[in-house]
């Protein structure tokens, strides 16, 4: 007895998938930008109180954007 299998063709990328990628990138950029701005506005003393050095700000902003924190 033969078994028939139905194999779905791979779907082509859809427009809304591309738009979702753009929207996600935009949201991540905004989170990184807000985080960077907020931390940069703090004094060195305030950053030290948080355990952050000024050179850590770009890394922290990238991590916040990657983790979706606002």
C-alpha atoms as a PDB file:
ATOM      1  CA  UNK A   1       0.000   0.000   0.000  1.00  0.00           C
ATOM      2  CA  UNK A   2       1.540   3.311  -1.120  1.00  0.00           C
ATOM      3  CA  UNK A   3       1.222   6.409   1.010  1.00  0.00           C
ATOM      4  CA  UNK A   4       0.765   9.759  -0.662  1.00  0.00           C
ATOM      5  CA  UNK A   5       2.528  12.666   0.954  1.00  0.00           C
ATOM      6  CA  UNK A   6       1.634  16.261   0.378  1.00  0.00           C
ATOM      7  CA  UNK A   7       4.645  18.496   0.535  1.00  0.00           C
ATOM      8  CA  UNK A   8       4.007  22.211   0.808  1.00  0.00           C
ATOM      9  CA  UNK A   9       6.144  24.456  -1.329  1.00  0.00           C
ATOM     10  CA  UNK A  10       8.251  26.924   0.635  1.00  0.00           C
ATOM     11  CA  UNK A  11       6.397  30.181   0.933  1.00  0.00           C
ATOM     12  CA  UNK A  12       7.833  33.275  -0.635  1.00  0.00           C
ATOM     13  CA  UNK A  13       8.738  36.127   1.726  1.00  0.00           C
ATOM     14  CA  UNK A  14       5.696  38.240   2.268  1.00  0.00           C
ATOM     15  CA  UNK A  15       5.560  42.007   2.266  1.00  0.00           C
ATOM     16  CA  UNK A  16       4.322  42.150   5.851  1.00  0.00           C
ATOM     17  CA  UNK A  17       7.266  40.045   7.030  1.00  0.00           C
ATOM     18  CA  UNK A  18       9.611  42.653   5.567  1.00  0.00           C
ATOM     19  CA  UNK A  19       7.591  45.410   7.180  1.00  0.00           C
ATOM     20  CA  UNK A  20       7.707  43.604  10.539  1.00  0.00           C
ATOM     21  CA  UNK A  21      11.490  43.431  10.287  1.00  0.00           C
ATOM     22  CA  UNK A  22      11.693  47.171   9.561  1.00  0.00           C
ATOM     23  CA  UNK A  23       9.308  47.982  12.419  1.00  0.00           C
ATOM     24  CA  UNK A  24      11.264  45.784  14.846  1.00  0.00           C
ATOM     25  CA  UNK A  25      14.538  47.403  13.804  1.00  0.00           C
ATOM     26  CA  UNK A  26      13.011  50.845  14.276  1.00  0.00           C
ATOM     27  CA  UNK A  27      11.716  49.971  17.785  1.00  0.00           C
ATOM     28  CA  UNK A  28      15.106  48.566  18.781  1.00  0.00           C
ATOM     29  CA  UNK A  29      16.866  51.686  17.530  1.00  0.00           C
ATOM     30  CA  UNK A  30      14.471  53.880  19.532  1.00  0.00           C
ATOM     31  CA  UNK A  31      15.059  51.861  22.718  1.00  0.00           C
ATOM     32  CA  UNK A  32      18.836  52.033  22.224  1.00  0.00           C
ATOM     33  CA  UNK A  33      18.699  55.749  21.492  1.00  0.00           C
ATOM     34  CA  UNK A  34      16.547  56.530  24.557  1.00  0.00           C
ATOM     35  CA  UNK A  35      18.733  54.397  26.796  1.00  0.00           C
ATOM     36  CA  UNK A  36      21.916  55.987  25.459  1.00  0.00           C
ATOM     37  CA  UNK A  37      20.499  59.497  25.917  1.00  0.00           C
ATOM     38  CA  UNK A  38      19.230  58.826  29.429  1.00  0.00           C
ATOM     39  CA  UNK A  39      22.516  57.351  30.602  1.00  0.00           C
ATOM     40  CA  UNK A  40      24.609  60.015  28.878  1.00  0.00           C
ATOM     41  CA  UNK A  41      22.636  62.705  30.736  1.00  0.00           C
ATOM     42  CA  UNK A  42      23.764  61.301  34.095  1.00  0.00           C
ATOM     43  CA  UNK A  43      26.852  62.611  35.830  1.00  0.00           C
ATOM     44  CA  UNK A  44      29.891  60.393  36.335  1.00  0.00           C
ATOM     45  CA  UNK A  45      28.953  60.189  40.017  1.00  0.00           C
ATOM     46  CA  UNK A  46      25.421  59.008  39.231  1.00  0.00           C
ATOM     47  CA  UNK A  47      26.758  56.425  36.766  1.00  0.00           C
ATOM     48  CA  UNK A  48      29.236  55.215  39.405  1.00  0.00           C
ATOM     49  CA  UNK A  49      26.346  54.828  41.870  1.00  0.00           C
ATOM     50  CA  UNK A  50      24.734  52.496  39.325  1.00  0.00           C
ATOM     51  CA  UNK A  51      27.979  50.617  38.769  1.00  0.00           C
ATOM     52  CA  UNK A  52      28.305  51.897  35.204  1.00  0.00           C
ATOM     53  CA  UNK A  53      31.258  53.592  33.562  1.00  0.00           C
ATOM     54  CA  UNK A  54      30.724  56.023  30.705  1.00  0.00           C
ATOM     55  CA  UNK A  55      32.350  53.696  28.164  1.00  0.00           C
ATOM     56  CA  UNK A  56      29.726  51.033  29.055  1.00  0.00           C
ATOM     57  CA  UNK A  57      26.813  53.148  27.807  1.00  0.00           C
ATOM     58  CA  UNK A  58      26.819  51.968  24.134  1.00  0.00           C
ATOM     59  CA  UNK A  59      26.942  48.305  25.210  1.00  0.00           C
ATOM     60  CA  UNK A  60      24.142  48.754  27.722  1.00  0.00           C
ATOM     61  CA  UNK A  61      22.020  50.542  25.107  1.00  0.00           C
ATOM     62  CA  UNK A  62      22.561  47.705  22.606  1.00  0.00           C
ATOM     63  CA  UNK A  63      21.638  45.112  25.228  1.00  0.00           C
ATOM     64  CA  UNK A  64      18.499  47.032  26.189  1.00  0.00           C
ATOM     65  CA  UNK A  65      17.431  47.165  22.548  1.00  0.00           C
ATOM     66  CA  UNK A  66      18.197  43.473  22.019  1.00  0.00           C
ATOM     67  CA  UNK A  67      16.179  42.524  25.107  1.00  0.00           C
ATOM     68  CA  UNK A  68      13.286  44.817  24.189  1.00  0.00           C
ATOM     69  CA  UNK A  69      13.527  46.911  27.316  1.00  0.00           C
ATOM     70  CA  UNK A  70      12.187  50.428  27.280  1.00  0.00           C
END
